[in-house]
C-alpha atoms as a PDB file:
ATOM      1  CA  UNK A   1      79.774  76.161  85.652  1.00  0.00           C
ATOM      2  CA  UNK A   2      81.113  73.719  88.241  1.00  0.00           C
ATOM      3  CA  UNK A   3      79.428  70.666  89.754  1.00  0.00           C
ATOM      4  CA  UNK A   4      80.104  69.579  93.323  1.00  0.00           C
ATOM      5  CA  UNK A   5      80.079  65.795  93.576  1.00  0.00           C
ATOM      6  CA  UNK A   6      81.496  62.949  95.631  1.00  0.00           C
ATOM      7  CA  UNK A   7      81.246  59.241  94.784  1.00  0.00           C
ATOM      8  CA  UNK A   8      80.047  58.801  98.366  1.00  0.00           C
ATOM      9  CA  UNK A   9      76.765  60.484  97.392  1.00  0.00           C
ATOM     10  CA  UNK A  10      75.947  57.223  95.590  1.00  0.00           C
ATOM     11  CA  UNK A  11      75.979  55.287  98.872  1.00  0.00           C
ATOM     12  CA  UNK A  12      72.601  54.073 100.104  1.00  0.00           C
ATOM     13  CA  UNK A  13      71.942  55.235 103.664  1.00  0.00           C
ATOM     14  CA  UNK A  14      68.199  54.560 104.133  1.00  0.00           C
ATOM     15  CA  UNK A  15      65.191  53.066 102.366  1.00  0.00           C
ATOM     16  CA  UNK A  16      63.648  56.373 101.265  1.00  0.00           C
ATOM     17  CA  UNK A  17      63.340  57.442  97.586  1.00  0.00           C
ATOM     18  CA  UNK A  18      66.067  60.090  97.875  1.00  0.00           C
ATOM     19  CA  UNK A  19      68.530  57.345  98.841  1.00  0.00           C
ATOM     20  CA  UNK A  20      67.468  54.878  96.156  1.00  0.00           C
ATOM     21  CA  UNK A  21      70.263  53.018  94.336  1.00  0.00           C
ATOM     22  CA  UNK A  22      71.026  54.514  90.917  1.00  0.00           C
ATOM     23  CA  UNK A  23      69.466  57.917  91.585  1.00  0.00           C
ATOM     24  CA  UNK A  24      72.678  59.957  91.755  1.00  0.00           C
ATOM     25  CA  UNK A  25      74.258  57.866  89.016  1.00  0.00           C
ATOM     26  CA  UNK A  26      71.320  58.713  86.721  1.00  0.00           C
ATOM     27  CA  UNK A  27      72.252  62.399  87.033  1.00  0.00           C
ATOM     28  CA  UNK A  28      76.007  61.914  87.004  1.00  0.00           C
ATOM     29  CA  UNK A  29      75.814  60.014  83.701  1.00  0.00           C
ATOM     30  CA  UNK A  30      74.390  63.140  82.040  1.00  0.00           C
ATOM     31  CA  UNK A  31      76.739  65.677  83.643  1.00  0.00           C
ATOM     32  CA  UNK A  32      80.086  63.901  83.666  1.00  0.00           C
ATOM     33  CA  UNK A  33      82.342  65.235  80.919  1.00  0.00           C
ATOM     34  CA  UNK A  34      80.014  68.194  80.390  1.00  0.00           C
ATOM     35  CA  UNK A  35      81.041  70.159  83.500  1.00  0.00           C
ATOM     36  CA  UNK A  36      84.143  70.169  85.734  1.00  0.00           C
ATOM     37  CA  UNK A  37      83.530  68.334  89.016  1.00  0.00           C
ATOM     38  CA  UNK A  38      84.691  69.511  92.443  1.00  0.00           C
ATOM     39  CA  UNK A  39      84.961  67.092  95.376  1.00  0.00           C
ATOM     40  CA  UNK A  40      83.827  68.387  98.783  1.00  0.00           C
ATOM     41  CA  UNK A  41      84.836  67.759 102.379  1.00  0.00           C
ATOM     42  CA  UNK A  42      82.328  67.135 105.179  1.00  0.00           C
ATOM     43  CA  UNK A  43      80.906  70.251 106.811  1.00  0.00           C
ATOM     44  CA  UNK A  44      82.590  71.072 110.124  1.00  0.00           C
ATOM     45  CA  UNK A  45      80.301  70.763 113.113  1.00  0.00           C
ATOM     46  CA  UNK A  46      80.716  74.492 113.721  1.00  0.00           C
ATOM     47  CA  UNK A  47      78.986  75.197 110.408  1.00  0.00           C
ATOM     48  CA  UNK A  48      76.174  72.744 111.151  1.00  0.00           C
ATOM     49  CA  UNK A  49      75.636  74.518 114.480  1.00  0.00           C
ATOM     50  CA  UNK A  50      75.068  77.818 112.679  1.00  0.00           C
ATOM     51  CA  UNK A  51      71.674  76.342 111.749  1.00  0.00           C
ATOM     52  CA  UNK A  52      70.989  73.284 113.907  1.00  0.00           C
ATOM     53  CA  UNK A  53      70.833  72.704 117.637  1.00  0.00           C
ATOM     54  CA  UNK A  54      73.480  70.609 119.361  1.00  0.00           C
ATOM     55  CA  UNK A  55      70.761  68.090 120.155  1.00  0.00           C
ATOM     56  CA  UNK A  56      69.828  67.742 116.492  1.00  0.00           C
ATOM     57  CA  UNK A  57      73.429  67.304 115.337  1.00  0.00           C
ATOM     58  CA  UNK A  58      74.017  64.678 118.021  1.00  0.00           C
ATOM     59  CA  UNK A  59      70.785  62.867 117.150  1.00  0.00           C
ATOM     60  CA  UNK A  60      71.846  62.493 113.506  1.00  0.00           C
ATOM     61  CA  UNK A  61      75.271  61.440 114.746  1.00  0.00           C
ATOM     62  CA  UNK A  62      73.803  58.360 116.454  1.00  0.00           C
ATOM     63  CA  UNK A  63      73.904  56.731 112.999  1.00  0.00           C
ATOM     64  CA  UNK A  64      77.543  57.150 112.011  1.00  0.00           C
ATOM     65  CA  UNK A  65      77.053  56.286 108.322  1.00  0.00           C
ATOM     66  CA  UNK A  66      74.125  58.674 107.990  1.00  0.00           C
ATOM     67  CA  UNK A  67      76.059  61.431 109.758  1.00  0.00           C
ATOM     68  CA  UNK A  68      79.037  60.989 107.435  1.00  0.00           C
ATOM     69  CA  UNK A  69      76.883  61.368 104.339  1.00  0.00           C
ATOM     70  CA  UNK A  70      74.628  64.128 105.695  1.00  0.00           C
ATOM     71  CA  UNK A  71      77.632  66.189 106.789  1.00  0.00           C
ATOM     72  CA  UNK A  72      79.252  65.533 103.394  1.00  0.00           C
ATOM     73  CA  UNK A  73      76.098  66.837 101.688  1.00  0.00           C
ATOM     74  CA  UNK A  74      76.256  69.973 103.829  1.00  0.00           C
ATOM     75  CA  UNK A  75      79.952  70.246 102.962  1.00  0.00           C
ATOM     76  CA  UNK A  76      79.040  70.034  99.285  1.00  0.00           C
ATOM     77  CA  UNK A  77      76.631  72.906  99.794  1.00  0.00           C
ATOM     78  CA  UNK A  78      79.365  74.940 101.482  1.00  0.00           C
ATOM     79  CA  UNK A  79      81.694  74.373  98.542  1.00  0.00           C
ATOM     80  CA  UNK A  80      78.960  75.245  96.028  1.00  0.00           C
ATOM     81  CA  UNK A  81      78.132  78.494  97.833  1.00  0.00           C
ATOM     82  CA  UNK A  82      81.763  79.554  98.107  1.00  0.00           C
ATOM     83  CA  UNK A  83      82.409  78.697  94.460  1.00  0.00           C
ATOM     84  CA  UNK A  84      79.383  80.732  93.421  1.00  0.00           C
ATOM     85  CA  UNK A  85      80.316  83.687  95.585  1.00  0.00           C
ATOM     86  CA  UNK A  86      83.773  83.684  93.975  1.00  0.00           C
ATOM     87  CA  UNK A  87      82.061  84.170  90.607  1.00  0.00           C
ATOM     88  CA  UNK A  88      81.563  80.655  89.190  1.00  0.00           C
ATOM     89  CA  UNK A  89      77.991  79.308  88.943  1.00  0.00           C
ATOM     90  CA  UNK A  90      77.740  75.977  90.715  1.00  0.00           C
ATOM     91  CA  UNK A  91      75.436  72.984  91.142  1.00  0.00           C
ATOM     92  CA  UNK A  92      75.591  70.695  94.152  1.00  0.00           C
ATOM     93  CA  UNK A  93      74.942  67.115  93.021  1.00  0.00           C
ATOM     94  CA  UNK A  94      74.509  66.105  96.640  1.00  0.00           C
ATOM     95  CA  UNK A  95      72.411  63.899  98.901  1.00  0.00           C
ATOM     96  CA  UNK A  96      70.754  63.567 101.377  1.00  0.00           C
ATOM     97  CA  UNK A  97      68.582  66.585 100.484  1.00  0.00           C
ATOM     98  CA  UNK A  98      67.872  69.271 103.058  1.00  0.00           C
ATOM     99  CA  UNK A  99      64.930  71.617 102.691  1.00  0.00           C
ATOM    100  CA  UNK A 100      62.684  69.789 105.194  1.00  0.00           C
ATOM    101  CA  UNK A 101      65.308  70.052 107.964  1.00  0.00           C
ATOM    102  CA  UNK A 102      64.592  72.657 110.665  1.00  0.00           C
ATOM    103  CA  UNK A 103      66.931  73.713 113.493  1.00  0.00           C
ATOM    104  CA  UNK A 104      65.934  70.876 115.843  1.00  0.00           C
ATOM    105  CA  UNK A 105      63.994  68.366 113.745  1.00  0.00           C
ATOM    106  CA  UNK A 106      63.712  66.965 110.234  1.00  0.00           C
ATOM    107  CA  UNK A 107      61.573  64.800 107.991  1.00  0.00           C
ATOM    108  CA  UNK A 108      60.916  64.210 104.277  1.00  0.00           C
ATOM    109  CA  UNK A 109      64.212  62.411 103.504  1.00  0.00           C
ATOM    110  CA  UNK A 110      66.230  65.382 104.903  1.00  0.00           C
ATOM    111  CA  UNK A 111      68.657  65.554 107.855  1.00  0.00           C
ATOM    112  CA  UNK A 112      70.705  68.777 107.731  1.00  0.00           C
ATOM    113  CA  UNK A 113      69.464  71.833 105.871  1.00  0.00           C
ATOM    114  CA  UNK A 114      72.254  72.029 103.311  1.00  0.00           C
ATOM    115  CA  UNK A 115      71.175  75.317 101.757  1.00  0.00           C
ATOM    116  CA  UNK A 116      70.719  77.065 105.119  1.00  0.00           C
ATOM    117  CA  UNK A 117      74.106  75.842 106.352  1.00  0.00           C
ATOM    118  CA  UNK A 118      75.781  77.178 103.217  1.00  0.00           C
ATOM    119  CA  UNK A 119      74.127  80.596 103.485  1.00  0.00           C
ATOM    120  CA  UNK A 120      74.677  80.960 107.214  1.00  0.00           C
ATOM    121  CA  UNK A 121      78.349  80.151 106.692  1.00  0.00           C
ATOM    122  CA  UNK A 122      78.648  82.844 104.011  1.00  0.00           C
ATOM    123  CA  UNK A 123      76.991  85.325 106.374  1.00  0.00           C
ATOM    124  CA  UNK A 124      79.188  84.326 109.329  1.00  0.00           C
ATOM    125  CA  UNK A 125      82.330  84.831 107.242  1.00  0.00           C
ATOM    126  CA  UNK A 126      81.211  88.329 106.265  1.00  0.00           C
ATOM    127  CA  UNK A 127      81.299  87.438 102.569  1.00  0.00           C
ATOM    128  CA  UNK A 128      77.572  88.090 102.104  1.00  0.00           C
ATOM    129  CA  UNK A 129      74.801  89.839 103.987  1.00  0.00           C
ATOM    130  CA  UNK A 130      71.717  89.204 101.839  1.00  0.00           C
ATOM    131  CA  UNK A 131      70.387  86.393  99.664  1.00  0.00           C
ATOM    132  CA  UNK A 132      67.255  85.159  97.964  1.00  0.00           C
ATOM    133  CA  UNK A 133      66.194  81.522  98.043  1.00  0.00           C
ATOM    134  CA  UNK A 134      64.226  79.989  95.181  1.00  0.00           C
ATOM    135  CA  UNK A 135      62.859  76.522  95.909  1.00  0.00           C
ATOM    136  CA  UNK A 136      61.336  74.890  92.823  1.00  0.00           C
ATOM    137  CA  UNK A 137      60.882  71.474  94.394  1.00  0.00           C
ATOM    138  CA  UNK A 138      57.344  70.089  94.268  1.00  0.00           C
ATOM    139  CA  UNK A 139      57.173  70.315  98.056  1.00  0.00           C
ATOM    140  CA  UNK A 140      57.331  73.432 100.230  1.00  0.00           C
ATOM    141  CA  UNK A 141      60.652  73.644 102.063  1.00  0.00           C
ATOM    142  CA  UNK A 142      59.245  74.050 105.548  1.00  0.00           C
ATOM    143  CA  UNK A 143      62.660  73.630 107.152  1.00  0.00           C
ATOM    144  CA  UNK A 144      64.186  76.427 105.105  1.00  0.00           C
ATOM    145  CA  UNK A 145      61.176  78.638 105.760  1.00  0.00           C
ATOM    146  CA  UNK A 146      61.401  77.929 109.503  1.00  0.00           C
ATOM    147  CA  UNK A 147      65.032  79.035 109.504  1.00  0.00           C
ATOM    148  CA  UNK A 148      64.661  82.258 107.491  1.00  0.00           C
ATOM    149  CA  UNK A 149      61.025  83.335 107.900  1.00  0.00           C
ATOM    150  CA  UNK A 150      61.953  86.145 110.323  1.00  0.00           C
ATOM    151  CA  UNK A 151      64.904  87.378 108.263  1.00  0.00           C
ATOM    152  CA  UNK A 152      63.925  90.079 105.729  1.00  0.00           C
ATOM    153  CA  UNK A 153      67.380  89.824 104.175  1.00  0.00           C
ATOM    154  CA  UNK A 154      66.698  86.249 103.016  1.00  0.00           C
ATOM    155  CA  UNK A 155      63.269  85.924 101.336  1.00  0.00           C
ATOM    156  CA  UNK A 156      62.140  82.394 100.517  1.00  0.00           C
ATOM    157  CA  UNK A 157      60.261  81.850  97.232  1.00  0.00           C
ATOM    158  CA  UNK A 158      58.354  78.657  96.442  1.00  0.00           C
ATOM    159  CA  UNK A 159      56.269  79.217  93.295  1.00  0.00           C
ATOM    160  CA  UNK A 160      53.423  76.855  92.554  1.00  0.00           C
ATOM    161  CA  UNK A 161      51.001  76.483  89.651  1.00  0.00           C
ATOM    162  CA  UNK A 162      49.254  73.703  87.753  1.00  0.00           C
ATOM    163  CA  UNK A 163      50.365  75.087  84.379  1.00  0.00           C
ATOM    164  CA  UNK A 164      54.012  75.010  83.303  1.00  0.00           C
ATOM    165  CA  UNK A 165      54.041  78.388  81.575  1.00  0.00           C
ATOM    166  CA  UNK A 166      52.276  80.055  84.492  1.00  0.00           C
ATOM    167  CA  UNK A 167      54.721  78.422  86.907  1.00  0.00           C
ATOM    168  CA  UNK A 168      57.712  79.815  85.036  1.00  0.00           C
ATOM    169  CA  UNK A 169      56.194  83.275  84.819  1.00  0.00           C
ATOM    170  CA  UNK A 170      55.405  83.219  88.527  1.00  0.00           C
ATOM    171  CA  UNK A 171      58.979  82.217  89.383  1.00  0.00           C
ATOM    172  CA  UNK A 172      60.350  85.026  87.224  1.00  0.00           C
ATOM    173  CA  UNK A 173      57.948  87.595  88.637  1.00  0.00           C
ATOM    174  CA  UNK A 174      58.598  86.660  92.258  1.00  0.00           C
ATOM    175  CA  UNK A 175      62.361  86.761  91.787  1.00  0.00           C
ATOM    176  CA  UNK A 176      62.257  90.165  90.127  1.00  0.00           C
ATOM    177  CA  UNK A 177      60.115  91.520  92.961  1.00  0.00           C
ATOM    178  CA  UNK A 178      62.964  90.870  95.409  1.00  0.00           C
ATOM    179  CA  UNK A 179      65.460  93.123  93.648  1.00  0.00           C
ATOM    180  CA  UNK A 180      69.184  93.131  94.388  1.00  0.00           C
ATOM    181  CA  UNK A 181      70.787  90.509  96.651  1.00  0.00           C
ATOM    182  CA  UNK A 182      74.323  89.329  97.275  1.00  0.00           C
ATOM    183  CA  UNK A 183      73.610  85.812  95.991  1.00  0.00           C
ATOM    184  CA  UNK A 184      70.864  83.563  94.611  1.00  0.00           C
ATOM    185  CA  UNK A 185      70.563  80.159  96.301  1.00  0.00           C
ATOM    186  CA  UNK A 186      68.307  77.503  94.773  1.00  0.00           C
ATOM    187  CA  UNK A 187      66.755  74.381  96.223  1.00  0.00           C
ATOM    188  CA  UNK A 188      66.599  72.459  92.972  1.00  0.00           C
ATOM    189  CA  UNK A 189      64.022  69.708  93.293  1.00  0.00           C
ATOM    190  CA  UNK A 190      63.119  67.918  90.065  1.00  0.00           C
ATOM    191  CA  UNK A 191      60.059  66.026  91.314  1.00  0.00           C
ATOM    192  CA  UNK A 192      57.826  68.567  89.539  1.00  0.00           C
ATOM    193  CA  UNK A 193      59.087  67.135  86.245  1.00  0.00           C
ATOM    194  CA  UNK A 194      57.130  65.309  83.572  1.00  0.00           C
ATOM    195  CA  UNK A 195      56.882  61.609  84.471  1.00  0.00           C
ATOM    196  CA  UNK A 196      57.911  62.407  88.048  1.00  0.00           C
ATOM    197  CA  UNK A 197      55.613  63.005  91.020  1.00  0.00           C
ATOM    198  CA  UNK A 198      54.440  66.464  89.923  1.00  0.00           C
ATOM    199  CA  UNK A 199      54.272  65.675  86.157  1.00  0.00           C
ATOM    200  CA  UNK A 200      54.413  69.358  85.153  1.00  0.00           C
ATOM    201  CA  UNK A 201      57.756  70.548  83.717  1.00  0.00           C
ATOM    202  CA  UNK A 202      59.504  69.071  80.687  1.00  0.00           C
ATOM    203  CA  UNK A 203      63.132  69.469  79.615  1.00  0.00           C
ATOM    204  CA  UNK A 204      62.520  72.747  77.810  1.00  0.00           C
ATOM    205  CA  UNK A 205      60.723  74.126  80.872  1.00  0.00           C
ATOM    206  CA  UNK A 206      63.712  73.277  83.067  1.00  0.00           C
ATOM    207  CA  UNK A 207      66.051  74.889  80.548  1.00  0.00           C
ATOM    208  CA  UNK A 208      63.907  78.020  80.636  1.00  0.00           C
ATOM    209  CA  UNK A 209      63.903  77.948  84.440  1.00  0.00           C
ATOM    210  CA  UNK A 210      67.692  77.858  84.321  1.00  0.00           C
ATOM    211  CA  UNK A 211      67.711  80.872  82.017  1.00  0.00           C
ATOM    212  CA  UNK A 212      65.295  82.800  84.251  1.00  0.00           C
ATOM    213  CA  UNK A 213      67.439  82.233  87.328  1.00  0.00           C
ATOM    214  CA  UNK A 214      70.669  82.976  85.456  1.00  0.00           C
ATOM    215  CA  UNK A 215      69.306  86.234  84.083  1.00  0.00           C
ATOM    216  CA  UNK A 216      68.007  87.310  87.485  1.00  0.00           C
ATOM    217  CA  UNK A 217      71.372  86.567  89.115  1.00  0.00           C
ATOM    218  CA  UNK A 218      73.305  88.433  86.434  1.00  0.00           C
ATOM    219  CA  UNK A 219      71.072  91.476  86.774  1.00  0.00           C
ATOM    220  CA  UNK A 220      70.584  91.519  90.541  1.00  0.00           C
ATOM    221  CA  UNK A 221      73.286  89.363  92.232  1.00  0.00           C
ATOM    222  CA  UNK A 222      76.431  90.206  90.251  1.00  0.00           C
ATOM    223  CA  UNK A 223      75.999  86.780  88.640  1.00  0.00           C
ATOM    224  CA  UNK A 224      76.421  84.889  91.920  1.00  0.00           C
ATOM    225  CA  UNK A 225      74.230  81.809  91.869  1.00  0.00           C
ATOM    226  CA  UNK A 226      74.204  78.189  92.951  1.00  0.00           C
ATOM    227  CA  UNK A 227      71.704  75.344  93.126  1.00  0.00           C
ATOM    228  CA  UNK A 228      71.538  72.259  95.324  1.00  0.00           C
ATOM    229  CA  UNK A 229      69.769  69.018  94.498  1.00  0.00           C
ATOM    230  CA  UNK A 230      66.643  68.312  96.533  1.00  0.00           C
ATOM    231  CA  UNK A 231      63.922  65.992  95.123  1.00  0.00           C
ATOM    232  CA  UNK A 232      63.479  64.131  91.837  1.00  0.00           C
ATOM    233  CA  UNK A 233      62.735  60.415  91.839  1.00  0.00           C
ATOM    234  CA  UNK A 234      62.127  59.036  88.345  1.00  0.00           C
ATOM    235  CA  UNK A 235      65.588  57.884  87.348  1.00  0.00           C
ATOM    236  CA  UNK A 236      64.549  57.591  83.699  1.00  0.00           C
ATOM    237  CA  UNK A 237      64.061  61.354  83.296  1.00  0.00           C
ATOM    238  CA  UNK A 238      65.965  62.858  86.222  1.00  0.00           C
ATOM    239  CA  UNK A 239      69.346  63.224  84.522  1.00  0.00           C
ATOM    240  CA  UNK A 240      67.855  64.882  81.447  1.00  0.00           C
ATOM    241  CA  UNK A 241      65.900  67.350  83.560  1.00  0.00           C
ATOM    242  CA  UNK A 242      68.947  68.310  85.634  1.00  0.00           C
ATOM    243  CA  UNK A 243      71.100  68.740  82.531  1.00  0.00           C
ATOM    244  CA  UNK A 244      68.474  70.920  80.849  1.00  0.00           C
ATOM    245  CA  UNK A 245      68.290  73.178  83.902  1.00  0.00           C
ATOM    246  CA  UNK A 246      72.069  73.520  84.054  1.00  0.00           C
ATOM    247  CA  UNK A 247      72.278  74.318  80.339  1.00  0.00           C
ATOM    248  CA  UNK A 248      70.097  77.343  81.023  1.00  0.00           C
ATOM    249  CA  UNK A 249      71.713  78.151  84.367  1.00  0.00           C
ATOM    250  CA  UNK A 250      75.375  78.234  83.270  1.00  0.00           C
END
């Protein structure tokens, strides 16, 4: 298991909860020394344009600091996807998040759709042709759905339930219904966690979710799997929840 991380992800770029001071550090404190870290480069504009319009890329670029960090997050996603496709499970400890970013607009603390950029780059290189996306963030990833909703080779799964056990069973069932894919890509939002906005999943639930996704990938994706950080806002529990998920996922 590798973790993609840059110290620049700790920089504050806006006043939204995803950019809050200490948020990335709260996760890093739990993962550092436990997993090898890889440092990314910013995503080339050509990769951003596989998903986003020129207008959208230029609009984000009007704020140079934001563009630097958003393109670095997309670059982290690229590195995570390539690492996973080469056979090493990977987690992108990145920000800004991405699943609310559509081709020409964005909202919800997102700017570029990191996961979509990483998958589209794999497809463009010829490395992969199919994928399945699991988004376990509290919020529906409308940007990701907008990008892939007409592509039968990339189903988007966003399970939802008010009971933790039922949620986990639904996630497992929906993944298994997809069958074989070249790679499993996960939008890993931790705002469904206990003491976070959704107040549903505890550490053991996240560990089980990691095991479910690992087992699916081993059986149906030749083990290829990666996850990218999306939501999760209670710094007191966030690091523990991420670590528990990765312990099951590795």
